[in-house]
Amino acid sequence: MNILILGSGGREHALAWKISQSNKTENLYIAPGNAGTRDVGSNLPIDINDFSEVKRIVVEKDIDILVVGPEVPLVNGITDKFKNDPALKNVSIIGPSKTGAMLEGSKEFAKEFMYRHGIPTAAYRSFNAGNIDEGFQFLESLKAPYVLKADGLAAGKGVLILNDLELAKSELKSMIEQSKFGEASAKVVIEEFLDGIEISVFVLTDGKSYVILPEAKDYKRIGEGDTGLNTGGMGSVSPVSFATPEFMGKIEQQIIKPTINGLIKENIDYKGFIFFGLIKVDGEPYVIEYNCRMGDPEAESVIPRIKSDLVDAFIAVDKQTLHEYEMEFDHRHAAAIMLVSGGYPEAYEKSKIISGIENLSDCILFHAGTSKDINTNQVKTSGGRVIAVCSYGNTMEESLTTAYDKAKQIEFEGRYFRTDIGFDL
């Protein structure tokens, strides 16, 4: 089969690494890909949000399966566009319809969906320029900390958690009236704050049935002890110690099943991954957010724990026979440590030469913001999050020890990584 993955991050490299191992994979393409994906497939330098360009590649390369990595093409409706195009009707797409992607594309849409289907989540209200004064009053009715979320996509950075009421009001004004997060914050969802510990849970669904993938815990803030600014993710571990069979049973019964049944009931076409960003509060799971794709950096610790052929799973998704498919998982722990550019998540420099990646063993390197200089063959930084170092272990501690040992051997100017991933477990 000819398979095309859209995206260029660590998630896409992890997917490419796994898909390349399938004996059903004949040709694997990644668009635009990065320096790491070049080792498992062929990179195609295209704009993945230019759907006519994606179509050209799909037709030219005779693509059988299209795997959409990031959220933007999904929210912009790539699945619908391809499904409604006679020239592309036989292409299997791993990614939901535009309406399904609104679970991530709009915080308000997701909240309303959860309320309709009795899925546990924090109380909330939505505000825009027309009722911002009501937003100030709503903040006054809540206890600190105050949670403000840009309704639309903001690259994982549109959430503010603030302890000061006046600052929360000021930020609400900045988000709505001064477009702090661009169009994404023209509408803002204000939620009650839930105090607990977070966990990421993933399913692959064919729209009727689903497979629960290994759970993970990711670490979003730049600083040790979960301090400082939010990032796209500084690392992850899988499995998660408090994800007992009892707690995972609650997640399935109270959250996963009602979500899938809700999609069916509302006739929402959904074939692909669902990410459940959850929080455990007094022993009970609540949904913080949905994503319409695999998480990143969680993919870098979850995908290495999938033993089964992922292409077989994608074929089952397309044929809606996932209920007949049994997925096997690696019992070992996996830890992924993200190396980032100096200054990230604020201003940072690119094109720093990366050394030490050539002969590393006992780890998997998942590239994110990297590129290869075609003249010198040197691998250089091209983004804020640069490389994830993933290692296995019989315990979380063992997997982390190995991953950190390997991370220290990789060098580039300004390199930074958190040394406390898994600290709260």
Protein backbone atom coordinates (compact mmCIF):
# COMPACT_ATOMS: atom_id res chain seq x y z
CA MET A 1 0.00 0.00 0.00
CA ASN A 2 1.06 3.59 -0.61
CA ILE A 3 0.62 5.71 2.52
CA LEU A 4 0.88 9.47 3.00
CA ILE A 5 1.26 11.10 6.44
CA LEU A 6 0.56 14.83 6.71
CA GLY A 7 2.66 16.74 9.24
CA SER A 8 6.23 17.43 10.32
CA GLY A 9 6.42 16.89 14.09
CA GLY A 10 7.40 14.21 16.56
CA ARG A 11 3.92 12.70 16.35
CA GLU A 12 4.27 12.27 12.59
CA HIS A 13 7.76 10.77 12.91
CA ALA A 14 6.42 8.28 15.48
CA LEU A 15 3.56 7.33 13.13
CA ALA A 16 5.98 7.02 10.20
CA TRP A 17 8.39 4.90 12.27
CA LYS A 18 5.57 2.49 13.13
CA ILE A 19 3.89 2.43 9.69
CA SER A 20 7.25 1.78 7.98
CA GLN A 21 7.52 -1.51 9.93
CA SER A 22 4.37 -2.95 8.30
CA ASN A 23 4.80 -5.50 5.52
CA LYS A 24 1.72 -3.92 3.94
CA THR A 25 3.55 -0.61 3.46
CA GLU A 26 5.00 -0.39 -0.03
CA ASN A 27 5.74 3.35 -0.28
CA LEU A 28 5.59 5.75 2.66
CA TYR A 29 5.50 9.51 2.14
CA ILE A 30 5.56 12.25 4.78
CA ALA A 31 4.54 15.81 3.90
CA PRO A 32 6.46 17.91 4.65
CA GLY A 33 8.23 15.68 7.19
CA ASN A 34 11.54 16.43 8.92
CA ALA A 35 15.14 15.19 9.03
CA GLY A 36 14.08 12.05 10.92
CA THR A 37 11.21 10.99 8.70
CA ARG A 38 13.64 10.89 5.75
CA ASP A 39 15.08 7.71 7.28
CA VAL A 40 11.76 5.79 7.17
CA GLY A 41 10.06 7.25 4.09
CA SER A 42 10.16 9.97 1.46
CA ASN A 43 9.57 13.60 2.42
CA LEU A 44 7.41 15.77 0.17
CA PRO A 45 7.84 19.55 0.63
CA ILE A 46 4.22 20.71 0.30
CA ASP A 47 1.83 22.96 2.22
CA ILE A 48 -0.55 20.50 3.91
CA ASN A 49 -3.23 23.18 4.23
CA ASP A 50 -3.32 23.59 0.46
CA PHE A 51 -5.79 20.79 -0.25
CA SER A 52 -5.40 21.01 -4.05
CA GLU A 53 -1.67 20.40 -3.58
CA VAL A 54 -2.38 17.46 -1.24
CA LYS A 55 -4.80 16.06 -3.83
CA ARG A 56 -2.15 16.34 -6.54
CA ILE A 57 0.26 14.27 -4.44
CA VAL A 58 -2.41 11.71 -3.53
CA VAL A 59 -3.26 11.16 -7.20
CA GLU A 60 0.35 11.31 -8.42
CA LYS A 61 1.63 8.81 -5.82
CA ASP A 62 -1.49 6.60 -6.02
CA ILE A 63 -2.06 6.89 -2.25
CA ASP A 64 -4.22 4.24 -0.56
CA ILE A 65 -4.23 5.60 3.02
CA LEU A 66 -3.97 9.26 4.07
CA VAL A 67 -3.05 9.77 7.74
CA VAL A 68 -3.69 13.34 8.91
CA GLY A 69 -1.33 14.11 11.80
CA PRO A 70 -2.11 17.69 12.93
CA GLU A 71 -5.44 19.30 13.75
CA VAL A 72 -5.53 22.28 11.35
CA PRO A 73 -6.23 20.35 8.10
CA LEU A 74 -8.90 18.32 9.92
CA VAL A 75 -10.63 21.40 11.35
CA ASN A 76 -10.43 22.97 7.88
CA GLY A 77 -12.32 19.99 6.44
CA ILE A 78 -9.78 17.94 4.49
CA THR A 79 -11.68 14.68 5.14
CA ASP A 80 -14.98 16.04 3.78
CA LYS A 81 -13.27 17.58 0.76
CA PHE A 82 -11.57 14.31 -0.17
CA LYS A 83 -14.62 12.13 0.51
CA ASN A 84 -16.71 14.34 -1.78
CA ASP A 85 -14.16 14.28 -4.61
CA PRO A 86 -14.87 11.45 -7.13
CA ALA A 87 -11.15 11.21 -7.96
CA LEU A 88 -10.33 10.49 -4.29
CA LYS A 89 -13.28 8.41 -3.15
CA ASN A 90 -11.20 5.22 -2.77
CA VAL A 91 -8.59 6.84 -0.51
CA SER A 92 -8.88 5.77 3.16
CA ILE A 93 -8.54 8.76 5.47
CA ILE A 94 -7.47 8.46 9.10
CA GLY A 95 -9.03 11.62 10.52
CA PRO A 96 -12.57 12.79 11.30
CA SER A 97 -14.96 14.92 9.29
CA LYS A 98 -14.93 18.69 9.78
CA THR A 99 -17.82 18.41 12.26
CA GLY A 100 -16.02 15.67 14.19
CA ALA A 101 -12.85 17.79 14.30
CA MET A 102 -14.86 20.56 15.98
CA LEU A 103 -14.41 18.58 19.20
CA GLU A 104 -10.97 20.18 19.11
CA GLY A 105 -11.67 23.13 16.83
CA SER A 106 -14.14 24.77 19.20
CA LYS A 107 -14.05 24.54 23.01
CA GLU A 108 -17.68 25.67 23.09
CA PHE A 109 -18.76 22.95 20.63
CA ALA A 110 -16.95 20.32 22.73
CA LYS A 111 -18.53 21.56 25.98
CA GLU A 112 -22.02 21.55 24.48
CA PHE A 113 -21.42 18.03 23.14
CA MET A 114 -20.33 16.83 26.59
CA TYR A 115 -23.35 18.41 28.28
CA ARG A 116 -25.74 16.83 25.74
CA HIS A 117 -24.33 13.38 26.39
CA GLY A 118 -23.80 13.55 30.15
CA ILE A 119 -20.00 13.42 29.95
CA PRO A 120 -18.35 14.73 33.15
CA THR A 121 -16.56 18.07 32.66
CA ALA A 122 -16.09 21.40 34.45
CA ALA A 123 -18.94 23.93 34.56
CA TYR A 124 -18.45 26.70 32.00
CA ARG A 125 -19.83 29.70 30.10
CA SER A 126 -18.78 31.28 26.77
CA PHE A 127 -18.24 34.98 26.12
CA ASN A 128 -17.43 37.27 23.18
CA ALA A 129 -17.30 41.01 22.43
CA GLY A 130 -21.09 41.23 22.74
CA ASN A 131 -21.29 39.99 26.33
CA ILE A 132 -17.83 40.60 27.78
CA ASP A 133 -19.34 42.46 30.78
CA GLU A 134 -21.20 39.26 31.69
CA GLY A 135 -17.82 37.54 31.48
CA PHE A 136 -16.44 39.90 34.13
CA GLN A 137 -19.45 39.15 36.35
CA PHE A 138 -19.05 35.39 35.81
CA LEU A 139 -15.40 35.60 36.88
CA GLU A 140 -16.51 37.41 40.04
CA SER A 141 -18.85 34.51 40.84
CA LEU A 142 -16.00 31.97 40.69
CA LYS A 143 -13.23 31.12 43.12
CA ALA A 144 -9.59 31.36 42.08
CA PRO A 145 -7.85 30.03 40.08
CA TYR A 146 -9.66 31.22 36.96
CA VAL A 147 -9.49 29.18 33.73
CA LEU A 148 -9.77 31.06 30.40
CA LYS A 149 -9.68 29.13 27.12
CA ALA A 150 -9.59 30.52 23.59
CA ASP A 151 -12.49 28.85 21.79
CA GLY A 152 -10.53 28.10 18.60
CA LEU A 153 -7.17 26.56 17.75
CA ALA A 154 -4.21 28.30 19.38
CA ALA A 155 -1.40 25.74 18.91
CA GLY A 156 -1.78 24.44 22.47
CA LYS A 157 -1.14 27.87 24.00
CA GLY A 158 -4.68 29.32 24.28
CA VAL A 159 -5.33 28.37 27.92
CA LEU A 160 -4.68 30.69 30.86
CA ILE A 161 -4.94 29.64 34.53
CA LEU A 162 -4.77 32.71 36.75
CA ASN A 163 -4.98 33.26 40.50
CA ASP A 164 -5.77 37.00 40.49
CA LEU A 165 -9.32 38.17 39.64
CA GLU A 166 -8.27 41.54 38.20
CA LEU A 167 -5.62 39.88 36.06
CA ALA A 168 -8.22 37.36 34.83
CA LYS A 169 -10.51 40.24 33.81
CA SER A 170 -7.63 42.00 32.07
CA GLU A 171 -6.66 38.84 30.19
CA LEU A 172 -10.28 38.21 29.15
CA LYS A 173 -10.36 41.71 27.68
CA SER A 174 -7.00 41.12 25.98
CA MET A 175 -8.13 37.82 24.49
CA ILE A 176 -11.44 39.10 23.12
CA GLU A 177 -10.83 42.76 22.30
CA GLN A 178 -7.11 42.73 21.50
CA SER A 179 -7.00 39.29 19.80
CA LYS A 180 -4.31 37.93 22.14
CA PHE A 181 -4.61 34.53 20.41
CA GLY A 182 -5.82 35.88 17.06
CA GLU A 183 -9.22 34.77 15.80
CA ALA A 184 -9.08 31.81 18.18
CA SER A 185 -9.91 34.05 21.16
CA ALA A 186 -12.75 36.05 19.57
CA LYS A 187 -14.81 33.79 21.81
CA VAL A 188 -13.53 32.65 25.22
CA VAL A 189 -14.73 29.76 27.38
CA ILE A 190 -14.42 30.38 31.14
CA GLU A 191 -14.44 27.22 33.25
CA GLU A 192 -14.47 26.34 36.89
CA PHE A 193 -11.04 25.12 38.00
CA LEU A 194 -10.70 21.39 38.65
CA ASP A 195 -7.96 20.37 41.09
CA GLY A 196 -6.44 16.97 40.40
CA ILE A 197 -3.90 15.04 38.36
CA GLU A 198 -4.07 14.86 34.56
CA ILE A 199 -3.87 11.89 32.21
CA SER A 200 -4.05 11.49 28.42
CA VAL A 201 -6.18 8.66 27.03
CA PHE A 202 -6.47 7.75 23.34
CA VAL A 203 -8.79 5.68 21.22
CA LEU A 204 -8.74 4.70 17.57
CA THR A 205 -12.32 4.53 16.28
CA ASP A 206 -14.02 3.48 13.05
CA GLY A 207 -17.11 5.52 13.96
CA LYS A 208 -18.91 2.57 15.54
CA SER A 209 -16.39 0.68 17.68
CA TYR A 210 -13.04 1.62 19.16
CA VAL A 211 -9.71 0.37 20.53
CA ILE A 212 -8.27 2.00 23.66
CA LEU A 213 -4.55 2.71 23.18
CA PRO A 214 -1.96 2.90 26.00
CA GLU A 215 -2.52 5.92 28.24
CA ALA A 216 0.17 8.54 28.88
CA LYS A 217 1.01 11.53 31.03
CA ASP A 218 2.48 14.58 29.34
CA TYR A 219 4.18 17.67 30.73
CA LYS A 220 3.24 20.95 29.07
CA ARG A 221 5.05 23.67 31.01
CA ILE A 222 8.57 24.77 30.18
CA GLY A 223 9.91 24.78 33.75
CA GLU A 224 10.74 22.15 36.34
CA GLY A 225 7.86 21.22 38.63
CA ASP A 226 5.35 22.30 35.97
CA THR A 227 6.13 26.00 36.17
CA GLY A 228 6.42 28.72 33.55
CA LEU A 229 4.79 29.06 30.15
CA ASN A 230 2.79 26.39 28.36
CA THR A 231 4.54 24.62 25.50
CA GLY A 232 3.51 22.03 22.93
CA GLY A 233 4.84 19.43 25.38
CA MET A 234 8.16 18.74 27.12
CA GLY A 235 7.88 14.98 27.47
CA SER A 236 5.65 12.04 28.32
CA VAL A 237 5.54 8.67 30.03
CA SER A 238 3.41 5.57 29.43
CA PRO A 239 1.84 3.72 31.23
CA VAL A 240 0.57 5.92 34.09
CA SER A 241 0.76 4.56 37.63
CA PHE A 242 -2.70 5.70 38.79
CA ALA A 243 -4.44 4.36 35.66
CA THR A 244 -5.62 1.25 37.48
CA PRO A 245 -8.08 -1.16 35.84
CA GLU A 246 -10.80 0.33 38.08
CA PHE A 247 -10.04 3.93 37.06
CA MET A 248 -9.69 3.02 33.36
CA GLY A 249 -13.05 1.25 33.67
CA LYS A 250 -14.62 4.49 34.89
CA ILE A 251 -13.04 6.37 31.97
CA GLU A 252 -14.45 3.90 29.47
CA GLN A 253 -17.96 3.79 30.94
CA GLN A 254 -18.36 7.47 31.82
CA ILE A 255 -16.39 9.14 29.02
CA ILE A 256 -15.29 6.97 26.07
CA LYS A 257 -18.55 5.06 25.46
CA PRO A 258 -20.78 8.18 25.81
CA THR A 259 -18.47 10.05 23.41
CA ILE A 260 -18.60 7.34 20.72
CA ASN A 261 -22.36 6.87 21.23
CA GLY A 262 -22.81 10.65 21.03
CA LEU A 263 -20.99 10.79 17.69
CA ILE A 264 -23.20 7.97 16.36
CA LYS A 265 -26.39 9.56 17.71
CA GLU A 266 -25.55 12.91 16.12
CA ASN A 267 -24.54 11.23 12.85
CA ILE A 268 -21.03 12.69 13.02
CA ASP A 269 -18.60 10.88 10.71
CA TYR A 270 -15.53 10.05 12.78
CA LYS A 271 -12.77 7.66 11.67
CA GLY A 272 -9.48 8.24 13.41
CA PHE A 273 -7.91 9.05 16.75
CA ILE A 274 -9.63 10.76 19.68
CA PHE A 275 -7.49 12.24 22.43
CA PHE A 276 -9.16 12.61 25.82
CA GLY A 277 -7.39 15.14 28.03
CA LEU A 278 -8.63 14.05 31.45
CA ILE A 279 -8.20 14.99 35.09
CA LYS A 280 -8.73 12.75 38.11
CA VAL A 281 -10.61 14.60 40.85
CA ASP A 282 -11.44 12.70 44.08
CA GLY A 283 -11.14 9.41 42.21
CA GLU A 284 -13.42 10.45 39.33
CA PRO A 285 -12.44 11.29 35.72
CA TYR A 286 -13.45 14.59 34.07
CA VAL A 287 -12.78 15.78 30.51
CA ILE A 288 -10.58 18.87 30.22
CA GLU A 289 -10.46 18.77 26.43
CA TYR A 290 -10.78 16.64 23.32
CA ASN A 291 -8.27 16.53 20.47
CA CYS A 292 -9.18 15.10 17.07
CA ARG A 293 -5.77 13.44 16.56
CA MET A 294 -2.95 11.76 18.48
CA GLY A 295 -1.32 13.91 21.13
CA ASP A 296 2.22 15.20 20.90
CA PRO A 297 4.48 14.46 22.86
CA GLU A 298 2.31 11.53 24.03
CA ALA A 299 2.54 9.80 20.63
CA GLU A 300 6.28 9.45 21.19
CA SER A 301 5.72 7.21 24.23
CA VAL A 302 2.38 5.61 23.23
CA ILE A 303 3.12 4.48 19.65
CA PRO A 304 6.33 2.62 20.67
CA ARG A 305 4.12 0.52 22.99
CA ILE A 306 1.87 -0.68 20.12
CA LYS A 307 3.08 -4.16 19.11
CA SER A 308 0.41 -4.81 16.44
CA ASP A 309 0.60 -3.71 12.81
CA LEU A 310 -0.83 -0.19 12.75
CA VAL A 311 -1.65 -0.43 9.03
CA ASP A 312 -3.91 -3.42 9.77
CA ALA A 313 -5.69 -1.25 12.33
CA PHE A 314 -6.14 1.56 9.77
CA ILE A 315 -7.58 -0.92 7.26
CA ALA A 316 -10.05 -2.06 9.95
CA VAL A 317 -10.99 1.57 10.60
CA ASP A 318 -11.75 2.11 6.92
CA LYS A 319 -13.82 -1.08 6.65
CA GLN A 320 -15.49 -0.44 10.04
CA THR A 321 -14.36 -3.86 11.30
CA LEU A 322 -12.39 -2.55 14.28
CA HIS A 323 -14.63 -4.60 16.62
CA GLU A 324 -12.99 -7.72 15.12
CA TYR A 325 -9.46 -6.38 15.58
CA GLU A 326 -7.34 -7.16 18.65
CA MET A 327 -4.48 -4.81 19.30
CA GLU A 328 -1.45 -6.01 21.24
CA PHE A 329 0.63 -3.74 23.47
CA ASP A 330 4.16 -3.84 24.87
CA HIS A 331 4.09 -4.31 28.65
CA ARG A 332 7.24 -2.22 29.09
CA HIS A 333 7.30 1.44 30.13
CA ALA A 334 8.26 4.11 27.61
CA ALA A 335 9.51 7.61 28.37
CA ALA A 336 10.01 10.46 25.90
CA ILE A 337 12.13 13.51 26.73
CA MET A 338 11.76 16.55 24.46
CA LEU A 339 14.85 18.60 23.66
CA VAL A 340 13.93 22.19 22.80
CA SER A 341 15.59 25.33 21.46
CA GLY A 342 16.87 27.99 23.84
CA GLY A 343 14.19 30.64 24.41
CA TYR A 344 11.29 28.36 23.50
CA PRO A 345 8.27 28.77 23.82
CA GLU A 346 9.06 32.44 23.18
CA ALA A 347 11.58 33.73 20.61
CA TYR A 348 14.28 31.23 19.65
CA GLU A 349 16.92 30.84 16.95
CA LYS A 350 16.92 28.14 14.28
CA SER A 351 19.56 26.39 12.12
CA LYS A 352 21.70 25.20 15.03
CA ILE A 353 23.80 22.15 14.14
CA ILE A 354 22.74 19.01 16.06
CA SER A 355 25.46 16.55 17.06
CA GLY A 356 25.52 13.26 18.95
CA ILE A 357 22.52 11.65 17.25
CA GLU A 358 24.46 9.38 14.89
CA ASN A 359 25.39 6.36 17.02
CA LEU A 360 22.94 6.37 19.91
CA SER A 361 21.60 2.95 20.98
CA ASP A 362 18.88 1.81 23.43
CA CYS A 363 16.62 4.66 22.37
CA ILE A 364 14.42 5.88 19.54
CA LEU A 365 14.84 9.44 18.30
CA PHE A 366 11.65 11.09 17.10
CA HIS A 367 12.51 14.30 15.25
CA ALA A 368 10.18 17.31 15.49
CA GLY A 369 11.75 20.65 14.52
CA THR A 370 14.67 19.42 12.44
CA SER A 371 15.86 19.71 8.85
CA LYS A 372 18.80 18.29 6.89
CA ASP A 373 21.22 20.55 5.05
CA ILE A 374 21.36 19.02 1.55
CA ASN A 375 24.86 20.44 0.95
CA THR A 376 26.59 19.35 4.18
CA ASN A 377 24.20 16.53 5.24
CA GLN A 378 24.14 18.10 8.72
CA VAL A 379 20.96 17.90 10.78
CA LYS A 380 19.90 21.32 12.09
CA THR A 381 17.19 22.75 14.33
CA SER A 382 14.17 24.21 12.54
CA GLY A 383 11.65 24.61 15.38
CA GLY A 384 11.11 25.14 19.07
CA ARG A 385 10.66 21.50 19.96
CA VAL A 386 13.56 19.72 18.28
CA ILE A 387 13.89 16.00 19.13
CA ALA A 388 12.17 13.55 21.49
CA VAL A 389 14.36 10.83 22.98
CA CYS A 390 12.29 7.72 23.75
CA SER A 391 13.50 4.72 25.77
CA TYR A 392 11.92 1.56 27.15
CA GLY A 393 12.30 0.16 30.66
CA ASN A 394 10.77 -2.40 33.00
CA THR A 395 9.79 0.52 35.27
CA MET A 396 9.09 4.18 34.66
CA GLU A 397 12.30 5.07 36.48
CA GLU A 398 14.33 2.75 34.28
CA SER A 399 12.88 4.14 31.07
CA LEU A 400 13.48 7.71 32.24
CA THR A 401 17.07 7.00 33.36
CA THR A 402 17.95 5.61 29.93
CA ALA A 403 16.16 8.42 28.05
CA TYR A 404 17.95 11.10 30.10
CA ASP A 405 21.32 9.41 29.61
CA LYS A 406 20.79 9.52 25.83
CA ALA A 407 19.38 13.07 25.87
CA LYS A 408 22.58 14.34 27.50
CA GLN A 409 24.60 12.99 24.57
CA ILE A 410 22.76 15.15 22.02
CA GLU A 411 24.12 18.66 21.63
CA PHE A 412 23.04 21.87 19.90
CA GLU A 413 23.46 25.50 20.86
CA GLY A 414 20.84 26.54 23.45
CA ARG A 415 19.61 22.96 24.00
CA TYR A 416 17.25 22.61 26.96
CA PHE A 417 15.17 19.81 28.44
CA ARG A 418 13.29 19.30 31.67
CA THR A 419 14.98 16.92 34.10
CA ASP A 420 11.84 16.08 36.09
CA ILE A 421 9.48 14.31 33.67
CA GLY A 422 7.40 11.84 35.70
CA PHE A 423 8.15 13.74 38.94
CA ASP A 424 4.50 13.73 40.08
CA LEU A 425 4.09 9.97 39.64
